[in-house]
Amino acid sequence: MSISNLTAMIIVNNEDLIFTYAGPDSNGKFSGWISMPNGRPVLNTQSVFDSSGDAKNHMLSLRDKLADKAINA
């Protein structure tokens, strides 16, 4: 997976983003979502997670990894 630098900066620098999930999809899997407070999507995944909690936790983990890379860059 790759994301643009702008998307990474939006995720790292906005404390009011919504980290959530969607699904289950027709395959029974969930997708992860990061959205602006107004509902505008910032980033989402394919439906690959077995539970809603896994999807949401993945998106939170992604935020933490991006923040760590920004600090250590």
PDB file of N, CA and C in Angstrom:
ATOM      1  N   MET A   1       0.841  -1.173   0.000  1.00  0.00           N
ATOM      2  CA  MET A   1       0.000   0.000   0.000  1.00  0.00           C
ATOM      3  C   MET A   1       0.883   1.232   0.000  1.00  0.00           C
ATOM      4  N   SER A   2       0.457   2.223  -0.721  1.00  0.00           N
ATOM      5  CA  SER A   2       1.152   3.493  -0.633  1.00  0.00           C
ATOM      6  C   SER A   2       0.110   4.610  -0.599  1.00  0.00           C
ATOM      7  N   ILE A   3       0.450   5.649   0.129  1.00  0.00           N
ATOM      8  CA  ILE A   3      -0.428   6.816   0.204  1.00  0.00           C
ATOM      9  C   ILE A   3       0.413   8.047  -0.088  1.00  0.00           C
ATOM     10  N   SER A   4      -0.233   9.108  -0.494  1.00  0.00           N
ATOM     11  CA  SER A   4       0.494  10.332  -0.817  1.00  0.00           C
ATOM     12  C   SER A   4       1.001  11.007   0.458  1.00  0.00           C
ATOM     13  N   ASN A   5       1.997  11.839   0.288  1.00  0.00           N
ATOM     14  CA  ASN A   5       2.512  12.620   1.425  1.00  0.00           C
ATOM     15  C   ASN A   5       1.429  13.524   1.994  1.00  0.00           C
ATOM     16  N   LEU A   6       0.585  14.084   1.129  1.00  0.00           N
ATOM     17  CA  LEU A   6      -0.489  14.959   1.600  1.00  0.00           C
ATOM     18  C   LEU A   6      -1.468  14.188   2.484  1.00  0.00           C
ATOM     19  N   THR A   7      -1.858  12.988   2.048  1.00  0.00           N
ATOM     20  CA  THR A   7      -2.769  12.182   2.855  1.00  0.00           C
ATOM     21  C   THR A   7      -2.138  11.837   4.196  1.00  0.00           C
ATOM     22  N   ALA A   8      -0.866  11.475   4.182  1.00  0.00           N
ATOM     23  CA  ALA A   8      -0.162  11.157   5.429  1.00  0.00           C
ATOM     24  C   ALA A   8      -0.147  12.365   6.361  1.00  0.00           C
ATOM     25  N   MET A   9       0.111  13.544   5.834  1.00  0.00           N
ATOM     26  CA  MET A   9       0.151  14.746   6.668  1.00  0.00           C
ATOM     27  C   MET A   9      -1.230  15.088   7.215  1.00  0.00           C
ATOM     28  N   ILE A  10      -2.261  14.891   6.427  1.00  0.00           N
ATOM     29  CA  ILE A  10      -3.636  15.127   6.909  1.00  0.00           C
ATOM     30  C   ILE A  10      -3.930  14.212   8.088  1.00  0.00           C
ATOM     31  N   ILE A  11      -3.556  12.932   7.965  1.00  0.00           N
ATOM     32  CA  ILE A  11      -3.817  11.967   9.028  1.00  0.00           C
ATOM     33  C   ILE A  11      -3.043  12.308  10.291  1.00  0.00           C
ATOM     34  N   VAL A  12      -1.794  12.693  10.142  1.00  0.00           N
ATOM     35  CA  VAL A  12      -0.937  12.974  11.298  1.00  0.00           C
ATOM     36  C   VAL A  12      -1.311  14.288  11.987  1.00  0.00           C
ATOM     37  N   ASN A  13      -1.731  15.281  11.221  1.00  0.00           N
ATOM     38  CA  ASN A  13      -1.908  16.624  11.780  1.00  0.00           C
ATOM     39  C   ASN A  13      -3.340  16.998  12.164  1.00  0.00           C
ATOM     40  N   ASN A  14      -4.291  16.113  11.979  1.00  0.00           N
ATOM     41  CA  ASN A  14      -5.681  16.419  12.323  1.00  0.00           C
ATOM     42  C   ASN A  14      -6.153  15.524  13.455  1.00  0.00           C
ATOM     43  N   GLU A  15      -6.349  16.106  14.610  1.00  0.00           N
ATOM     44  CA  GLU A  15      -6.766  15.337  15.786  1.00  0.00           C
ATOM     45  C   GLU A  15      -8.254  15.007  15.781  1.00  0.00           C
ATOM     46  N   ASP A  16      -9.025  15.637  14.890  1.00  0.00           N
ATOM     47  CA  ASP A  16     -10.465  15.426  14.899  1.00  0.00           C
ATOM     48  C   ASP A  16     -10.954  14.449  13.835  1.00  0.00           C
ATOM     49  N   LEU A  17     -10.043  13.685  13.235  1.00  0.00           N
ATOM     50  CA  LEU A  17     -10.446  12.699  12.241  1.00  0.00           C
ATOM     51  C   LEU A  17     -11.244  11.566  12.883  1.00  0.00           C
ATOM     52  N   ILE A  18     -12.070  10.922  12.085  1.00  0.00           N
ATOM     53  CA  ILE A  18     -12.895   9.809  12.552  1.00  0.00           C
ATOM     54  C   ILE A  18     -12.291   8.511  12.021  1.00  0.00           C
ATOM     55  N   PHE A  19     -11.932   7.609  12.923  1.00  0.00           N
ATOM     56  CA  PHE A  19     -11.372   6.312  12.573  1.00  0.00           C
ATOM     57  C   PHE A  19     -12.463   5.279  12.793  1.00  0.00           C
ATOM     58  N   THR A  20     -12.912   4.653  11.710  1.00  0.00           N
ATOM     59  CA  THR A  20     -14.065   3.766  11.815  1.00  0.00           C
ATOM     60  C   THR A  20     -13.947   2.625  10.819  1.00  0.00           C
ATOM     61  N   TYR A  21     -15.058   1.968  10.561  1.00  0.00           N
ATOM     62  CA  TYR A  21     -15.094   0.806   9.676  1.00  0.00           C
ATOM     63  C   TYR A  21     -16.392   0.810   8.884  1.00  0.00           C
ATOM     64  N   ALA A  22     -16.445  -0.038   7.870  1.00  0.00           N
ATOM     65  CA  ALA A  22     -17.670  -0.273   7.112  1.00  0.00           C
ATOM     66  C   ALA A  22     -17.809  -1.775   6.904  1.00  0.00           C
ATOM     67  N   GLY A  23     -19.019  -2.218   6.764  1.00  0.00           N
ATOM     68  CA  GLY A  23     -19.228  -3.632   6.482  1.00  0.00           C
ATOM     69  C   GLY A  23     -20.144  -4.275   7.491  1.00  0.00           C
ATOM     70  N   PRO A  24     -20.295  -5.558   7.393  1.00  0.00           N
ATOM     71  CA  PRO A  24     -19.542  -6.452   6.522  1.00  0.00           C
ATOM     72  C   PRO A  24     -19.989  -6.358   5.063  1.00  0.00           C
ATOM     73  N   ASP A  25     -19.041  -6.641   4.179  1.00  0.00           N
ATOM     74  CA  ASP A  25     -19.282  -6.645   2.749  1.00  0.00           C
ATOM     75  C   ASP A  25     -19.902  -7.987   2.358  1.00  0.00           C
ATOM     76  N   SER A  26     -20.110  -8.198   1.083  1.00  0.00           N
ATOM     77  CA  SER A  26     -20.718  -9.452   0.617  1.00  0.00           C
ATOM     78  C   SER A  26     -19.873 -10.677   0.958  1.00  0.00           C
ATOM     79  N   ASN A  27     -18.566 -10.461   1.169  1.00  0.00           N
ATOM     80  CA  ASN A  27     -17.685 -11.567   1.550  1.00  0.00           C
ATOM     81  C   ASN A  27     -17.591 -11.743   3.064  1.00  0.00           C
ATOM     82  N   GLY A  28     -18.342 -10.945   3.822  1.00  0.00           N
ATOM     83  CA  GLY A  28     -18.340 -11.043   5.277  1.00  0.00           C
ATOM     84  C   GLY A  28     -17.195 -10.321   5.949  1.00  0.00           C
ATOM     85  N   LYS A  29     -16.430  -9.557   5.185  1.00  0.00           N
ATOM     86  CA  LYS A  29     -15.262  -8.839   5.717  1.00  0.00           C
ATOM     87  C   LYS A  29     -15.575  -7.356   5.895  1.00  0.00           C
ATOM     88  N   PHE A  30     -14.755  -6.700   6.701  1.00  0.00           N
ATOM     89  CA  PHE A  30     -14.922  -5.278   7.010  1.00  0.00           C
ATOM     90  C   PHE A  30     -13.787  -4.468   6.388  1.00  0.00           C
ATOM     91  N   SER A  31     -14.059  -3.203   6.115  1.00  0.00           N
ATOM     92  CA  SER A  31     -13.034  -2.281   5.632  1.00  0.00           C
ATOM     93  C   SER A  31     -12.803  -1.200   6.678  1.00  0.00           C
ATOM     94  N   GLY A  32     -11.604  -0.643   6.680  1.00  0.00           N
ATOM     95  CA  GLY A  32     -11.268   0.451   7.582  1.00  0.00           C
ATOM     96  C   GLY A  32     -11.419   1.784   6.879  1.00  0.00           C
ATOM     97  N   TRP A  33     -11.800   2.810   7.648  1.00  0.00           N
ATOM     98  CA  TRP A  33     -12.012   4.147   7.091  1.00  0.00           C
ATOM     99  C   TRP A  33     -11.403   5.211   7.998  1.00  0.00           C
ATOM    100  N   ILE A  34     -10.852   6.246   7.373  1.00  0.00           N
ATOM    101  CA  ILE A  34     -10.474   7.474   8.067  1.00  0.00           C
ATOM    102  C   ILE A  34     -11.217   8.588   7.337  1.00  0.00           C
ATOM    103  N   SER A  35     -11.976   9.367   8.095  1.00  0.00           N
ATOM    104  CA  SER A  35     -12.808  10.421   7.492  1.00  0.00           C
ATOM    105  C   SER A  35     -12.633  11.737   8.239  1.00  0.00           C
ATOM    106  N   MET A  36     -12.905  12.825   7.526  1.00  0.00           N
ATOM    107  CA  MET A  36     -12.967  14.149   8.134  1.00  0.00           C
ATOM    108  C   MET A  36     -14.252  14.227   8.961  1.00  0.00           C
ATOM    109  N   PRO A  37     -14.328  15.161   9.913  1.00  0.00           N
ATOM    110  CA  PRO A  37     -15.545  15.313  10.711  1.00  0.00           C
ATOM    111  C   PRO A  37     -16.797  15.591   9.872  1.00  0.00           C
ATOM    112  N   ASN A  38     -16.626  16.192   8.692  1.00  0.00           N
ATOM    113  CA  ASN A  38     -17.776  16.468   7.827  1.00  0.00           C
ATOM    114  C   ASN A  38     -18.171  15.251   6.987  1.00  0.00           C
ATOM    115  N   GLY A  39     -17.477  14.124   7.187  1.00  0.00           N
ATOM    116  CA  GLY A  39     -17.795  12.901   6.479  1.00  0.00           C
ATOM    117  C   GLY A  39     -16.965  12.648   5.235  1.00  0.00           C
ATOM    118  N   ARG A  40     -16.165  13.632   4.815  1.00  0.00           N
ATOM    119  CA  ARG A  40     -15.331  13.457   3.622  1.00  0.00           C
ATOM    120  C   ARG A  40     -14.286  12.379   3.880  1.00  0.00           C
ATOM    121  N   PRO A  41     -14.216  11.347   3.043  1.00  0.00           N
ATOM    122  CA  PRO A  41     -13.232  10.294   3.255  1.00  0.00           C
ATOM    123  C   PRO A  41     -11.807  10.773   3.002  1.00  0.00           C
ATOM    124  N   VAL A  42     -10.897  10.309   3.827  1.00  0.00           N
ATOM    125  CA  VAL A  42      -9.476  10.593   3.659  1.00  0.00           C
ATOM    126  C   VAL A  42      -8.769   9.349   3.125  1.00  0.00           C
ATOM    127  N   LEU A  43      -9.094   8.197   3.716  1.00  0.00           N
ATOM    128  CA  LEU A  43      -8.437   6.945   3.333  1.00  0.00           C
ATOM    129  C   LEU A  43      -9.334   5.776   3.725  1.00  0.00           C
ATOM    130  N   ASN A  44      -9.379   4.764   2.879  1.00  0.00           N
ATOM    131  CA  ASN A  44     -10.100   3.552   3.237  1.00  0.00           C
ATOM    132  C   ASN A  44      -9.360   2.336   2.690  1.00  0.00           C
ATOM    133  N   THR A  45      -9.666   1.168   3.237  1.00  0.00           N
ATOM    134  CA  THR A  45      -9.039  -0.077   2.807  1.00  0.00           C
ATOM    135  C   THR A  45     -10.046  -0.922   2.049  1.00  0.00           C
ATOM    136  N   GLN A  46      -9.559  -1.989   1.473  1.00  0.00           N
ATOM    137  CA  GLN A  46     -10.455  -2.996   0.924  1.00  0.00           C
ATOM    138  C   GLN A  46     -11.048  -3.782   2.085  1.00  0.00           C
ATOM    139  N   SER A  47     -12.094  -4.524   1.816  1.00  0.00           N
ATOM    140  CA  SER A  47     -12.751  -5.324   2.858  1.00  0.00           C
ATOM    141  C   SER A  47     -11.948  -6.605   3.090  1.00  0.00           C
ATOM    142  N   VAL A  48     -11.039  -6.563   4.051  1.00  0.00           N
ATOM    143  CA  VAL A  48     -10.157  -7.703   4.326  1.00  0.00           C
ATOM    144  C   VAL A  48     -10.127  -8.100   5.802  1.00  0.00           C
ATOM    145  N   PHE A  49     -10.798  -7.355   6.655  1.00  0.00           N
ATOM    146  CA  PHE A  49     -10.719  -7.594   8.098  1.00  0.00           C
ATOM    147  C   PHE A  49     -11.868  -8.479   8.562  1.00  0.00           C
ATOM    148  N   ASP A  50     -11.572  -9.371   9.509  1.00  0.00           N
ATOM    149  CA  ASP A  50     -12.569 -10.320  10.001  1.00  0.00           C
ATOM    150  C   ASP A  50     -13.592  -9.692  10.942  1.00  0.00           C
ATOM    151  N   SER A  51     -13.246  -8.564  11.563  1.00  0.00           N
ATOM    152  CA  SER A  51     -14.177  -7.919  12.489  1.00  0.00           C
ATOM    153  C   SER A  51     -14.076  -6.404  12.356  1.00  0.00           C
ATOM    154  N   SER A  52     -15.115  -5.735  12.840  1.00  0.00           N
ATOM    155  CA  SER A  52     -15.115  -4.263  12.810  1.00  0.00           C
ATOM    156  C   SER A  52     -13.989  -3.712  13.679  1.00  0.00           C
ATOM    157  N   GLY A  53     -13.733  -4.378  14.804  1.00  0.00           N
ATOM    158  CA  GLY A  53     -12.657  -3.932  15.691  1.00  0.00           C
ATOM    159  C   GLY A  53     -11.288  -4.041  15.040  1.00  0.00           C
ATOM    160  N   ASP A  54     -11.059  -5.119  14.298  1.00  0.00           N
ATOM    161  CA  ASP A  54      -9.789  -5.268  13.584  1.00  0.00           C
ATOM    162  C   ASP A  54      -9.604  -4.155  12.567  1.00  0.00           C
ATOM    163  N   ALA A  55     -10.662  -3.815  11.855  1.00  0.00           N
ATOM    164  CA  ALA A  55     -10.586  -2.756  10.846  1.00  0.00           C
ATOM    165  C   ALA A  55     -10.266  -1.409  11.484  1.00  0.00           C
ATOM    166  N   LYS A  56     -10.978  -1.074  12.542  1.00  0.00           N
ATOM    167  CA  LYS A  56     -10.748   0.211  13.217  1.00  0.00           C
ATOM    168  C   LYS A  56      -9.357   0.252  13.838  1.00  0.00           C
ATOM    169  N   ASN A  57      -8.940  -0.829  14.481  1.00  0.00           N
ATOM    170  CA  ASN A  57      -7.614  -0.869  15.104  1.00  0.00           C
ATOM    171  C   ASN A  57      -6.503  -0.743  14.071  1.00  0.00           C
ATOM    172  N   HIS A  58      -6.712  -1.303  12.882  1.00  0.00           N
ATOM    173  CA  HIS A  58      -5.717  -1.171  11.823  1.00  0.00           C
ATOM    174  C   HIS A  58      -5.544   0.292  11.424  1.00  0.00           C
ATOM    175  N   MET A  59      -6.644   1.012  11.306  1.00  0.00           N
ATOM    176  CA  MET A  59      -6.570   2.424  10.914  1.00  0.00           C
ATOM    177  C   MET A  59      -5.895   3.261  12.001  1.00  0.00           C
ATOM    178  N   LEU A  60      -6.171   2.954  13.262  1.00  0.00           N
ATOM    179  CA  LEU A  60      -5.506   3.660  14.365  1.00  0.00           C
ATOM    180  C   LEU A  60      -4.018   3.338  14.377  1.00  0.00           C
ATOM    181  N   SER A  61      -3.675   2.087  14.103  1.00  0.00           N
ATOM    182  CA  SER A  61      -2.271   1.681  14.042  1.00  0.00           C
ATOM    183  C   SER A  61      -1.557   2.395  12.893  1.00  0.00           C
ATOM    184  N   LEU A  62      -2.233   2.534  11.772  1.00  0.00           N
ATOM    185  CA  LEU A  62      -1.664   3.260  10.636  1.00  0.00           C
ATOM    186  C   LEU A  62      -1.360   4.700  11.023  1.00  0.00           C
ATOM    187  N   ARG A  63      -2.299   5.342  11.716  1.00  0.00           N
ATOM    188  CA  ARG A  63      -2.068   6.714  12.179  1.00  0.00           C
ATOM    189  C   ARG A  63      -0.828   6.787  13.055  1.00  0.00           C
ATOM    190  N   ASP A  64      -0.698   5.849  13.983  1.00  0.00           N
ATOM    191  CA  ASP A  64       0.453   5.856  14.885  1.00  0.00           C
ATOM    192  C   ASP A  64       1.762   5.643  14.133  1.00  0.00           C
ATOM    193  N   LYS A  65       1.771   4.755  13.158  1.00  0.00           N
ATOM    194  CA  LYS A  65       2.979   4.509  12.362  1.00  0.00           C
ATOM    195  C   LYS A  65       3.363   5.740  11.563  1.00  0.00           C
ATOM    196  N   LEU A  66       2.377   6.417  10.973  1.00  0.00           N
ATOM    197  CA  LEU A  66       2.659   7.636  10.215  1.00  0.00           C
ATOM    198  C   LEU A  66       3.205   8.731  11.119  1.00  0.00           C
ATOM    199  N   ALA A  67       2.630   8.874  12.314  1.00  0.00           N
ATOM    200  CA  ALA A  67       3.109   9.885  13.268  1.00  0.00           C
ATOM    201  C   ALA A  67       4.537   9.574  13.696  1.00  0.00           C
ATOM    202  N   ASP A  68       4.841   8.316  13.928  1.00  0.00           N
ATOM    203  CA  ASP A  68       6.200   7.917  14.316  1.00  0.00           C
ATOM    204  C   ASP A  68       7.190   8.219  13.208  1.00  0.00           C
ATOM    205  N   LYS A  69       6.814   7.944  11.964  1.00  0.00           N
ATOM    206  CA  LYS A  69       7.710   8.252  10.838  1.00  0.00           C
ATOM    207  C   LYS A  69       7.916   9.761  10.690  1.00  0.00           C
ATOM    208  N   ALA A  70       6.871  10.550  10.938  1.00  0.00           N
ATOM    209  CA  ALA A  70       6.984  12.005  10.835  1.00  0.00           C
ATOM    210  C   ALA A  70       7.926  12.547  11.899  1.00  0.00           C
ATOM    211  N   ILE A  71       7.859  11.987  13.107  1.00  0.00           N
ATOM    212  CA  ILE A  71       8.721  12.443  14.206  1.00  0.00           C
ATOM    213  C   ILE A  71      10.170  12.054  13.962  1.00  0.00           C
ATOM    214  N   ASN A  72      10.382  10.847  13.433  1.00  0.00           N
ATOM    215  CA  ASN A  72      11.728  10.327  13.257  1.00  0.00           C
ATOM    216  C   ASN A  72      12.327  10.623  11.896  1.00  0.00           C
ATOM    217  N   ALA A  73      11.647  11.423  11.086  1.00  0.00           N
ATOM    218  CA  ALA A  73      12.158  11.730   9.734  1.00  0.00           C
ATOM    219  C   ALA A  73      13.245  12.770   9.787  1.00  0.00           C
TER     220      ALA A  73
END
